Structures are given as structure tokens and as C-alpha cells.
Amino acid sequence: PGMLTGVILSLSRALGEAAPLVAIGAATIVRKVPQNLAKDEFTALPMQIYYWTDMPDEAFHEVAAAAIIVLLTVLIVMNALAVYLRYKFGKRVQW
């Protein structure tokens, strides 16, 4: 249960680490909407949020706020899943 919790928490932390993605990957941003996720290029959501907040139109700022809420929701769900799995599998193993 500890290893599983560690993996889930590291994935959720990677989702929250937007600053390194923006600093390192700003040159690789894709500015078109992918039509096929298997074949087209796409960018990470923090990069897209950074791009949208740079736009002068207010609609892009609203979309960026919605994307931030999506990231926060995924982060909270992953952390809750880690707590649940740690509780569930930690109960069974008695040393």
C-alpha cells in the first residue's frame, strides 16, 4: 500500500508542477486543437493555461480558469484515491 500511495501521490504532484513545465517547455507549445489524440501533437494542460492567460481576449481567461479547476479536481481525486487505497490495503496487512 505504501508503494501504491507513493506512485499516486507522485503522479498528482507532477500534475501540480506547472512552473517547471512552463519554464522548460515553453518552446514546444502546440497552438492547434488536436483532432486525434493518438496521431496529433498536443501539449500539457499547464502549458495551455499559460498560453491562454497570455491572450488579450477575456474568453481565453475564462477558459484558463476552467482548466485550472479541472487540474485541481484531478489533483484532489488522485490524492483522495491515494488515501483510500492506503486505508484499504493497510488494514489487511497485519505484521
PDB file of N, CA and C in Angstrom:
ATOM      1  N   PRO A   1       0.813  -1.215   0.000  1.00  0.00           N
ATOM      2  CA  PRO A   1       0.000   0.000   0.000  1.00  0.00           C
ATOM      3  C   PRO A   1       0.848   1.267   0.000  1.00  0.00           C
ATOM      4  N   GLY A   2       2.020   1.217   0.609  1.00  0.00           N
ATOM      5  CA  GLY A   2       2.878   2.396   0.625  1.00  0.00           C
ATOM      6  C   GLY A   2       3.430   2.736  -0.742  1.00  0.00           C
ATOM      7  N   MET A   3       3.810   1.708  -1.497  1.00  0.00           N
ATOM      8  CA  MET A   3       4.331   1.955  -2.848  1.00  0.00           C
ATOM      9  C   MET A   3       3.242   2.488  -3.762  1.00  0.00           C
ATOM     10  N   LEU A   4       2.049   1.916  -3.669  1.00  0.00           N
ATOM     11  CA  LEU A   4       0.927   2.366  -4.495  1.00  0.00           C
ATOM     12  C   LEU A   4       0.567   3.811  -4.159  1.00  0.00           C
ATOM     13  N   THR A   5       0.547   4.140  -2.886  1.00  0.00           N
ATOM     14  CA  THR A   5       0.267   5.513  -2.470  1.00  0.00           C
ATOM     15  C   THR A   5       1.345   6.453  -2.984  1.00  0.00           C
ATOM     16  N   GLY A   6       2.600   6.034  -2.925  1.00  0.00           N
ATOM     17  CA  GLY A   6       3.687   6.864  -3.417  1.00  0.00           C
ATOM     18  C   GLY A   6       3.586   7.144  -4.903  1.00  0.00           C
ATOM     19  N   VAL A   7       3.190   6.148  -5.665  1.00  0.00           N
ATOM     20  CA  VAL A   7       3.041   6.338  -7.111  1.00  0.00           C
ATOM     21  C   VAL A   7       1.921   7.324  -7.403  1.00  0.00           C
ATOM     22  N   ILE A   8       0.790   7.151  -6.739  1.00  0.00           N
ATOM     23  CA  ILE A   8      -0.345   8.043  -6.988  1.00  0.00           C
ATOM     24  C   ILE A   8      -0.014   9.465  -6.551  1.00  0.00           C
ATOM     25  N   LEU A   9       0.625   9.628  -5.404  1.00  0.00           N
ATOM     26  CA  LEU A   9       0.981  10.965  -4.945  1.00  0.00           C
ATOM     27  C   LEU A   9       2.024  11.615  -5.844  1.00  0.00           C
ATOM     28  N   SER A  10       2.954  10.831  -6.383  1.00  0.00           N
ATOM     29  CA  SER A  10       3.939  11.419  -7.287  1.00  0.00           C
ATOM     30  C   SER A  10       3.292  11.849  -8.600  1.00  0.00           C
ATOM     31  N   LEU A  11       2.318  11.076  -9.074  1.00  0.00           N
ATOM     32  CA  LEU A  11       1.598  11.487 -10.277  1.00  0.00           C
ATOM     33  C   LEU A  11       0.797  12.760 -10.029  1.00  0.00           C
ATOM     34  N   SER A  12       0.161  12.846  -8.872  1.00  0.00           N
ATOM     35  CA  SER A  12      -0.611  14.049  -8.582  1.00  0.00           C
ATOM     36  C   SER A  12       0.303  15.257  -8.390  1.00  0.00           C
ATOM     37  N   ARG A  13       1.482  15.035  -7.838  1.00  0.00           N
ATOM     38  CA  ARG A  13       2.422  16.145  -7.706  1.00  0.00           C
ATOM     39  C   ARG A  13       2.916  16.600  -9.076  1.00  0.00           C
ATOM     40  N   ALA A  14       3.141  15.648  -9.965  1.00  0.00           N
ATOM     41  CA  ALA A  14       3.579  16.004 -11.323  1.00  0.00           C
ATOM     42  C   ALA A  14       2.524  16.845 -12.031  1.00  0.00           C
ATOM     43  N   LEU A  15       1.247  16.573 -11.760  1.00  0.00           N
ATOM     44  CA  LEU A  15       0.187  17.395 -12.345  1.00  0.00           C
ATOM     45  C   LEU A  15       0.244  18.821 -11.821  1.00  0.00           C
ATOM     46  N   GLY A  16       0.613  18.969 -10.571  1.00  0.00           N
ATOM     47  CA  GLY A  16       0.629  20.289  -9.968  1.00  0.00           C
ATOM     48  C   GLY A  16       1.870  21.102 -10.261  1.00  0.00           C
ATOM     49  N   GLU A  17       2.891  20.496 -10.779  1.00  0.00           N
ATOM     50  CA  GLU A  17       4.141  21.204 -11.040  1.00  0.00           C
ATOM     51  C   GLU A  17       4.077  21.913 -12.391  1.00  0.00           C
ATOM     52  N   ALA A  18       3.398  23.028 -12.427  1.00  0.00           N
ATOM     53  CA  ALA A  18       3.228  23.755 -13.682  1.00  0.00           C
ATOM     54  C   ALA A  18       4.435  24.632 -14.006  1.00  0.00           C
ATOM     55  N   ALA A  19       5.073  25.194 -13.003  1.00  0.00           N
ATOM     56  CA  ALA A  19       6.167  26.134 -13.257  1.00  0.00           C
ATOM     57  C   ALA A  19       7.332  25.509 -14.030  1.00  0.00           C
ATOM     58  N   PRO A  20       7.804  24.297 -13.673  1.00  0.00           N
ATOM     59  CA  PRO A  20       8.889  23.720 -14.481  1.00  0.00           C
ATOM     60  C   PRO A  20       8.468  23.426 -15.922  1.00  0.00           C
ATOM     61  N   LEU A  21       7.219  23.020 -16.107  1.00  0.00           N
ATOM     62  CA  LEU A  21       6.757  22.783 -17.475  1.00  0.00           C
ATOM     63  C   LEU A  21       6.764  24.061 -18.291  1.00  0.00           C
ATOM     64  N   VAL A  22       6.326  25.144 -17.680  1.00  0.00           N
ATOM     65  CA  VAL A  22       6.281  26.413 -18.388  1.00  0.00           C
ATOM     66  C   VAL A  22       7.693  26.913 -18.671  1.00  0.00           C
ATOM     67  N   ALA A  23       8.587  26.761 -17.702  1.00  0.00           N
ATOM     68  CA  ALA A  23       9.947  27.270 -17.880  1.00  0.00           C
ATOM     69  C   ALA A  23      10.737  26.471 -18.911  1.00  0.00           C
ATOM     70  N   ILE A  24      10.557  25.157 -18.904  1.00  0.00           N
ATOM     71  CA  ILE A  24      11.349  24.304 -19.793  1.00  0.00           C
ATOM     72  C   ILE A  24      10.676  24.102 -21.146  1.00  0.00           C
ATOM     73  N   GLY A  25       9.371  23.904 -21.152  1.00  0.00           N
ATOM     74  CA  GLY A  25       8.706  23.505 -22.382  1.00  0.00           C
ATOM     75  C   GLY A  25       8.000  24.597 -23.138  1.00  0.00           C
ATOM     76  N   ALA A  26       8.272  25.851 -22.832  1.00  0.00           N
ATOM     77  CA  ALA A  26       7.556  26.934 -23.499  1.00  0.00           C
ATOM     78  C   ALA A  26       7.811  26.950 -25.006  1.00  0.00           C
ATOM     79  N   ALA A  27       8.935  26.446 -25.436  1.00  0.00           N
ATOM     80  CA  ALA A  27       9.233  26.448 -26.872  1.00  0.00           C
ATOM     81  C   ALA A  27       8.497  25.339 -27.611  1.00  0.00           C
ATOM     82  N   THR A  28       7.972  24.370 -26.902  1.00  0.00           N
ATOM     83  CA  THR A  28       7.332  23.225 -27.554  1.00  0.00           C
ATOM     84  C   THR A  28       5.815  23.259 -27.448  1.00  0.00           C
ATOM     85  N   ILE A  29       5.241  24.418 -27.236  1.00  0.00           N
ATOM     86  CA  ILE A  29       3.787  24.505 -27.112  1.00  0.00           C
ATOM     87  C   ILE A  29       3.126  24.296 -28.479  1.00  0.00           C
ATOM     88  N   VAL A  30       2.036  23.565 -28.475  1.00  0.00           N
ATOM     89  CA  VAL A  30       1.279  23.300 -29.691  1.00  0.00           C
ATOM     90  C   VAL A  30       0.042  24.178 -29.639  1.00  0.00           C
ATOM     91  N   ARG A  31      -0.139  25.015 -30.657  1.00  0.00           N
ATOM     92  CA  ARG A  31      -1.214  26.001 -30.614  1.00  0.00           C
ATOM     93  C   ARG A  31      -2.432  25.616 -31.438  1.00  0.00           C
ATOM     94  N   LYS A  32      -2.556  24.375 -31.801  1.00  0.00           N
ATOM     95  CA  LYS A  32      -3.735  23.942 -32.546  1.00  0.00           C
ATOM     96  C   LYS A  32      -4.454  22.851 -31.765  1.00  0.00           C
ATOM     97  N   VAL A  33      -5.720  22.717 -32.018  1.00  0.00           N
ATOM     98  CA  VAL A  33      -6.526  21.716 -31.323  1.00  0.00           C
ATOM     99  C   VAL A  33      -6.283  20.356 -31.975  1.00  0.00           C
ATOM    100  N   PRO A  34      -5.903  19.340 -31.182  1.00  0.00           N
ATOM    101  CA  PRO A  34      -5.696  18.015 -31.778  1.00  0.00           C
ATOM    102  C   PRO A  34      -7.018  17.382 -32.184  1.00  0.00           C
ATOM    103  N   GLN A  35      -7.040  16.784 -33.352  1.00  0.00           N
ATOM    104  CA  GLN A  35      -8.235  16.104 -33.840  1.00  0.00           C
ATOM    105  C   GLN A  35      -8.233  14.629 -33.453  1.00  0.00           C
ATOM    106  N   ASN A  36      -7.033  14.055 -33.332  1.00  0.00           N
ATOM    107  CA  ASN A  36      -6.880  12.651 -32.986  1.00  0.00           C
ATOM    108  C   ASN A  36      -5.763  12.552 -31.956  1.00  0.00           C
ATOM    109  N   LEU A  37      -6.096  12.126 -30.738  1.00  0.00           N
ATOM    110  CA  LEU A  37      -5.103  12.097 -29.673  1.00  0.00           C
ATOM    111  C   LEU A  37      -4.001  11.076 -29.911  1.00  0.00           C
ATOM    112  N   ALA A  38      -4.257  10.077 -30.735  1.00  0.00           N
ATOM    113  CA  ALA A  38      -3.238   9.066 -30.996  1.00  0.00           C
ATOM    114  C   ALA A  38      -2.212   9.536 -32.028  1.00  0.00           C
ATOM    115  N   LYS A  39      -2.607  10.441 -32.926  1.00  0.00           N
ATOM    116  CA  LYS A  39      -1.717  10.819 -34.020  1.00  0.00           C
ATOM    117  C   LYS A  39      -1.246  12.266 -33.967  1.00  0.00           C
ATOM    118  N   ASP A  40      -2.069  13.179 -33.466  1.00  0.00           N
ATOM    119  CA  ASP A  40      -1.722  14.594 -33.465  1.00  0.00           C
ATOM    120  C   ASP A  40      -0.871  14.946 -32.251  1.00  0.00           C
ATOM    121  N   GLU A  41      -0.139  16.038 -32.377  1.00  0.00           N
ATOM    122  CA  GLU A  41       0.630  16.547 -31.242  1.00  0.00           C
ATOM    123  C   GLU A  41      -0.301  17.299 -30.311  1.00  0.00           C
ATOM    124  N   PHE A  42       0.014  17.267 -29.036  1.00  0.00           N
ATOM    125  CA  PHE A  42      -0.744  18.048 -28.068  1.00  0.00           C
ATOM    126  C   PHE A  42       0.196  18.491 -26.966  1.00  0.00           C
ATOM    127  N   THR A  43      -0.253  19.405 -26.134  1.00  0.00           N
ATOM    128  CA  THR A  43       0.588  19.973 -25.097  1.00  0.00           C
ATOM    129  C   THR A  43       0.003  19.674 -23.721  1.00  0.00           C
ATOM    130  N   ALA A  44       0.787  19.878 -22.682  1.00  0.00           N
ATOM    131  CA  ALA A  44       0.314  19.673 -21.316  1.00  0.00           C
ATOM    132  C   ALA A  44      -0.647  20.791 -20.930  1.00  0.00           C
ATOM    133  N   LEU A  45      -1.577  20.489 -20.072  1.00  0.00           N
ATOM    134  CA  LEU A  45      -2.589  21.466 -19.690  1.00  0.00           C
ATOM    135  C   LEU A  45      -1.994  22.705 -19.010  1.00  0.00           C
ATOM    136  N   PRO A  46      -0.995  22.595 -18.143  1.00  0.00           N
ATOM    137  CA  PRO A  46      -0.404  23.832 -17.594  1.00  0.00           C
ATOM    138  C   PRO A  46       0.188  24.736 -18.667  1.00  0.00           C
ATOM    139  N   MET A  47       0.760  24.148 -19.706  1.00  0.00           N
ATOM    140  CA  MET A  47       1.283  24.955 -20.813  1.00  0.00           C
ATOM    141  C   MET A  47       0.155  25.671 -21.540  1.00  0.00           C
ATOM    142  N   GLN A  48      -0.946  24.975 -21.727  1.00  0.00           N
ATOM    143  CA  GLN A  48      -2.084  25.569 -22.410  1.00  0.00           C
ATOM    144  C   GLN A  48      -2.687  26.694 -21.567  1.00  0.00           C
ATOM    145  N   ILE A  49      -2.735  26.497 -20.266  1.00  0.00           N
ATOM    146  CA  ILE A  49      -3.240  27.547 -19.373  1.00  0.00           C
ATOM    147  C   ILE A  49      -2.348  28.784 -19.466  1.00  0.00           C
ATOM    148  N   TYR A  50      -1.052  28.582 -19.472  1.00  0.00           N
ATOM    149  CA  TYR A  50      -0.119  29.701 -19.606  1.00  0.00           C
ATOM    150  C   TYR A  50      -0.350  30.439 -20.925  1.00  0.00           C
ATOM    151  N   TYR A  51      -0.557  29.701 -21.978  1.00  0.00           N
ATOM    152  CA  TYR A  51      -0.809  30.311 -23.287  1.00  0.00           C
ATOM    153  C   TYR A  51      -2.117  31.090 -23.281  1.00  0.00           C
ATOM    154  N   TRP A  52      -3.162  30.509 -22.679  1.00  0.00           N
ATOM    155  CA  TRP A  52      -4.466  31.189 -22.645  1.00  0.00           C
ATOM    156  C   TRP A  52      -4.435  32.451 -21.797  1.00  0.00           C
ATOM    157  N   THR A  53      -3.695  32.476 -20.716  1.00  0.00           N
ATOM    158  CA  THR A  53      -3.649  33.674 -19.885  1.00  0.00           C
ATOM    159  C   THR A  53      -2.856  34.797 -20.537  1.00  0.00           C
ATOM    160  N   ASP A  54      -2.047  34.473 -21.514  1.00  0.00           N
ATOM    161  CA  ASP A  54      -1.298  35.482 -22.259  1.00  0.00           C
ATOM    162  C   ASP A  54      -2.145  36.166 -23.331  1.00  0.00           C
ATOM    163  N   MET A  55      -3.275  35.583 -23.685  1.00  0.00           N
ATOM    164  CA  MET A  55      -4.123  36.132 -24.740  1.00  0.00           C
ATOM    165  C   MET A  55      -4.896  37.356 -24.237  1.00  0.00           C
ATOM    166  N   PRO A  56      -5.125  38.344 -25.102  1.00  0.00           N
ATOM    167  CA  PRO A  56      -5.814  39.560 -24.659  1.00  0.00           C
ATOM    168  C   PRO A  56      -7.334  39.390 -24.504  1.00  0.00           C
ATOM    169  N   ASP A  57      -7.922  38.410 -25.150  1.00  0.00           N
ATOM    170  CA  ASP A  57      -9.373  38.229 -25.099  1.00  0.00           C
ATOM    171  C   ASP A  57      -9.795  37.654 -23.748  1.00  0.00           C
ATOM    172  N   GLU A  58     -10.877  38.191 -23.179  1.00  0.00           N
ATOM    173  CA  GLU A  58     -11.369  37.758 -21.876  1.00  0.00           C
ATOM    174  C   GLU A  58     -11.875  36.318 -21.904  1.00  0.00           C
ATOM    175  N   ALA A  59     -12.346  35.839 -23.036  1.00  0.00           N
ATOM    176  CA  ALA A  59     -12.847  34.464 -23.132  1.00  0.00           C
ATOM    177  C   ALA A  59     -11.734  33.452 -22.863  1.00  0.00           C
ATOM    178  N   PHE A  60     -10.520  33.766 -23.286  1.00  0.00           N
ATOM    179  CA  PHE A  60      -9.402  32.870 -23.020  1.00  0.00           C
ATOM    180  C   PHE A  60      -9.101  32.793 -21.522  1.00  0.00           C
ATOM    181  N   HIS A  61      -9.285  33.896 -20.810  1.00  0.00           N
ATOM    182  CA  HIS A  61      -9.056  33.893 -19.359  1.00  0.00           C
ATOM    183  C   HIS A  61     -10.096  33.025 -18.655  1.00  0.00           C
ATOM    184  N   GLU A  62     -11.321  33.041 -19.139  1.00  0.00           N
ATOM    185  CA  GLU A  62     -12.361  32.193 -18.565  1.00  0.00           C
ATOM    186  C   GLU A  62     -12.068  30.716 -18.815  1.00  0.00           C
ATOM    187  N   VAL A  63     -11.592  30.396 -20.005  1.00  0.00           N
ATOM    188  CA  VAL A  63     -11.237  29.013 -20.320  1.00  0.00           C
ATOM    189  C   VAL A  63     -10.038  28.569 -19.480  1.00  0.00           C
ATOM    190  N   ALA A  64      -9.093  29.476 -19.266  1.00  0.00           N
ATOM    191  CA  ALA A  64      -7.941  29.147 -18.426  1.00  0.00           C
ATOM    192  C   ALA A  64      -8.382  28.873 -16.987  1.00  0.00           C
ATOM    193  N   ALA A  65      -9.338  29.649 -16.492  1.00  0.00           N
ATOM    194  CA  ALA A  65      -9.845  29.416 -15.136  1.00  0.00           C
ATOM    195  C   ALA A  65     -10.539  28.058 -15.054  1.00  0.00           C
ATOM    196  N   ALA A  66     -11.287  27.698 -16.078  1.00  0.00           N
ATOM    197  CA  ALA A  66     -11.939  26.382 -16.098  1.00  0.00           C
ATOM    198  C   ALA A  66     -10.910  25.263 -16.151  1.00  0.00           C
ATOM    199  N   ALA A  67      -9.843  25.451 -16.904  1.00  0.00           N
ATOM    200  CA  ALA A  67      -8.786  24.433 -16.982  1.00  0.00           C
ATOM    201  C   ALA A  67      -8.068  24.294 -15.642  1.00  0.00           C
ATOM    202  N   ILE A  68      -7.899  25.394 -14.930  1.00  0.00           N
ATOM    203  CA  ILE A  68      -7.285  25.327 -13.601  1.00  0.00           C
ATOM    204  C   ILE A  68      -8.178  24.527 -12.658  1.00  0.00           C
ATOM    205  N   ILE A  69      -9.482  24.718 -12.754  1.00  0.00           N
ATOM    206  CA  ILE A  69     -10.414  23.951 -11.924  1.00  0.00           C
ATOM    207  C   ILE A  69     -10.343  22.470 -12.272  1.00  0.00           C
ATOM    208  N   VAL A  70     -10.198  22.154 -13.550  1.00  0.00           N
ATOM    209  CA  VAL A  70     -10.049  20.750 -13.959  1.00  0.00           C
ATOM    210  C   VAL A  70      -8.782  20.147 -13.349  1.00  0.00           C
ATOM    211  N   LEU A  71      -7.677  20.875 -13.420  1.00  0.00           N
ATOM    212  CA  LEU A  71      -6.430  20.377 -12.828  1.00  0.00           C
ATOM    213  C   LEU A  71      -6.565  20.170 -11.322  1.00  0.00           C
ATOM    214  N   LEU A  72      -7.190  21.115 -10.638  1.00  0.00           N
ATOM    215  CA  LEU A  72      -7.383  20.971  -9.198  1.00  0.00           C
ATOM    216  C   LEU A  72      -8.282  19.788  -8.864  1.00  0.00           C
ATOM    217  N   THR A  73      -9.312  19.572  -9.672  1.00  0.00           N
ATOM    218  CA  THR A  73     -10.206  18.443  -9.441  1.00  0.00           C
ATOM    219  C   THR A  73      -9.467  17.117  -9.614  1.00  0.00           C
ATOM    220  N   VAL A  74      -8.692  16.998 -10.651  1.00  0.00           N
ATOM    221  CA  VAL A  74      -7.918  15.774 -10.876  1.00  0.00           C
ATOM    222  C   VAL A  74      -6.927  15.563  -9.729  1.00  0.00           C
ATOM    223  N   LEU A  75      -6.299  16.632  -9.276  1.00  0.00           N
ATOM    224  CA  LEU A  75      -5.356  16.546  -8.172  1.00  0.00           C
ATOM    225  C   LEU A  75      -6.036  16.071  -6.887  1.00  0.00           C
ATOM    226  N   ILE A  76      -7.195  16.618  -6.576  1.00  0.00           N
ATOM    227  CA  ILE A  76      -7.914  16.216  -5.363  1.00  0.00           C
ATOM    228  C   ILE A  76      -8.389  14.777  -5.458  1.00  0.00           C
ATOM    229  N   VAL A  77      -8.882  14.369  -6.629  1.00  0.00           N
ATOM    230  CA  VAL A  77      -9.342  12.989  -6.806  1.00  0.00           C
ATOM    231  C   VAL A  77      -8.179  12.011  -6.657  1.00  0.00           C
ATOM    232  N   MET A  78      -7.022  12.337  -7.222  1.00  0.00           N
ATOM    233  CA  MET A  78      -5.871  11.436  -7.102  1.00  0.00           C
ATOM    234  C   MET A  78      -5.390  11.334  -5.660  1.00  0.00           C
ATOM    235  N   ASN A  79      -5.391  12.444  -4.945  1.00  0.00           N
ATOM    236  CA  ASN A  79      -4.990  12.392  -3.537  1.00  0.00           C
ATOM    237  C   ASN A  79      -6.003  11.610  -2.709  1.00  0.00           C
ATOM    238  N   ALA A  80      -7.286  11.782  -2.989  1.00  0.00           N
ATOM    239  CA  ALA A  80      -8.309  11.018  -2.271  1.00  0.00           C
ATOM    240  C   ALA A  80      -8.177   9.521  -2.572  1.00  0.00           C
ATOM    241  N   LEU A  81      -7.880   9.188  -3.817  1.00  0.00           N
ATOM    242  CA  LEU A  81      -7.671   7.799  -4.189  1.00  0.00           C
ATOM    243  C   LEU A  81      -6.478   7.202  -3.441  1.00  0.00           C
ATOM    244  N   ALA A  82      -5.418   7.983  -3.299  1.00  0.00           N
ATOM    245  CA  ALA A  82      -4.244   7.506  -2.568  1.00  0.00           C
ATOM    246  C   ALA A  82      -4.580   7.253  -1.103  1.00  0.00           C
ATOM    247  N   VAL A  83      -5.339   8.140  -0.489  1.00  0.00           N
ATOM    248  CA  VAL A  83      -5.727   7.954   0.914  1.00  0.00           C
ATOM    249  C   VAL A  83      -6.619   6.727   1.054  1.00  0.00           C
ATOM    250  N   TYR A  84      -7.572   6.567   0.137  1.00  0.00           N
ATOM    251  CA  TYR A  84      -8.475   5.410   0.188  1.00  0.00           C
ATOM    252  C   TYR A  84      -7.712   4.103   0.025  1.00  0.00           C
ATOM    253  N   LEU A  85      -6.820   4.029  -0.964  1.00  0.00           N
ATOM    254  CA  LEU A  85      -6.063   2.799  -1.188  1.00  0.00           C
ATOM    255  C   LEU A  85      -5.129   2.488  -0.022  1.00  0.00           C
ATOM    256  N   ARG A  86      -4.526   3.527   0.549  1.00  0.00           N
ATOM    257  CA  ARG A  86      -3.660   3.298   1.707  1.00  0.00           C
ATOM    258  C   ARG A  86      -4.471   2.749   2.875  1.00  0.00           C
ATOM    259  N   TYR A  87      -5.669   3.278   3.078  1.00  0.00           N
ATOM    260  CA  TYR A  87      -6.526   2.792   4.165  1.00  0.00           C
ATOM    261  C   TYR A  87      -6.999   1.367   3.896  1.00  0.00           C
ATOM    262  N   LYS A  88      -7.415   1.110   2.654  1.00  0.00           N
ATOM    263  CA  LYS A  88      -7.956  -0.211   2.311  1.00  0.00           C
ATOM    264  C   LYS A  88      -6.901  -1.307   2.405  1.00  0.00           C
ATOM    265  N   PHE A  89      -5.748  -1.092   1.799  1.00  0.00           N
ATOM    266  CA  PHE A  89      -4.716  -2.121   1.792  1.00  0.00           C
ATOM    267  C   PHE A  89      -3.910  -2.133   3.086  1.00  0.00           C
ATOM    268  N   GLY A  90      -3.884  -1.047   3.799  1.00  0.00           N
ATOM    269  CA  GLY A  90      -3.162  -1.005   5.064  1.00  0.00           C
ATOM    270  C   GLY A  90      -3.861  -1.768   6.158  1.00  0.00           C
ATOM    271  N   LYS A  91      -5.176  -1.915   6.054  1.00  0.00           N
ATOM    272  CA  LYS A  91      -5.933  -2.650   7.051  1.00  0.00           C
ATOM    273  C   LYS A  91      -5.680  -4.155   6.971  1.00  0.00           C
ATOM    274  N   ARG A  92      -5.506  -4.655   5.772  1.00  0.00           N
ATOM    275  CA  ARG A  92      -5.359  -6.102   5.572  1.00  0.00           C
ATOM    276  C   ARG A  92      -4.017  -6.631   6.058  1.00  0.00           C
ATOM    277  N   VAL A  93      -2.976  -5.868   5.866  1.00  0.00           N
ATOM    278  CA  VAL A  93      -1.639  -6.340   6.196  1.00  0.00           C
ATOM    279  C   VAL A  93      -1.370  -6.081   7.664  1.00  0.00           C
ATOM    280  N   GLN A  94      -1.312  -7.122   8.449  1.00  0.00           N
ATOM    281  CA  GLN A  94      -1.030  -7.019   9.876  1.00  0.00           C
ATOM    282  C   GLN A  94       0.274  -7.764  10.170  1.00  0.00           C
ATOM    283  N   TRP A  95       1.259  -7.101  10.650  1.00  0.00           N
ATOM    284  CA  TRP A  95       2.552  -7.724  10.915  1.00  0.00           C
ATOM    285  C   TRP A  95       2.585  -8.283  12.288  1.00  0.00           C
TER     286      TRP A  95
END
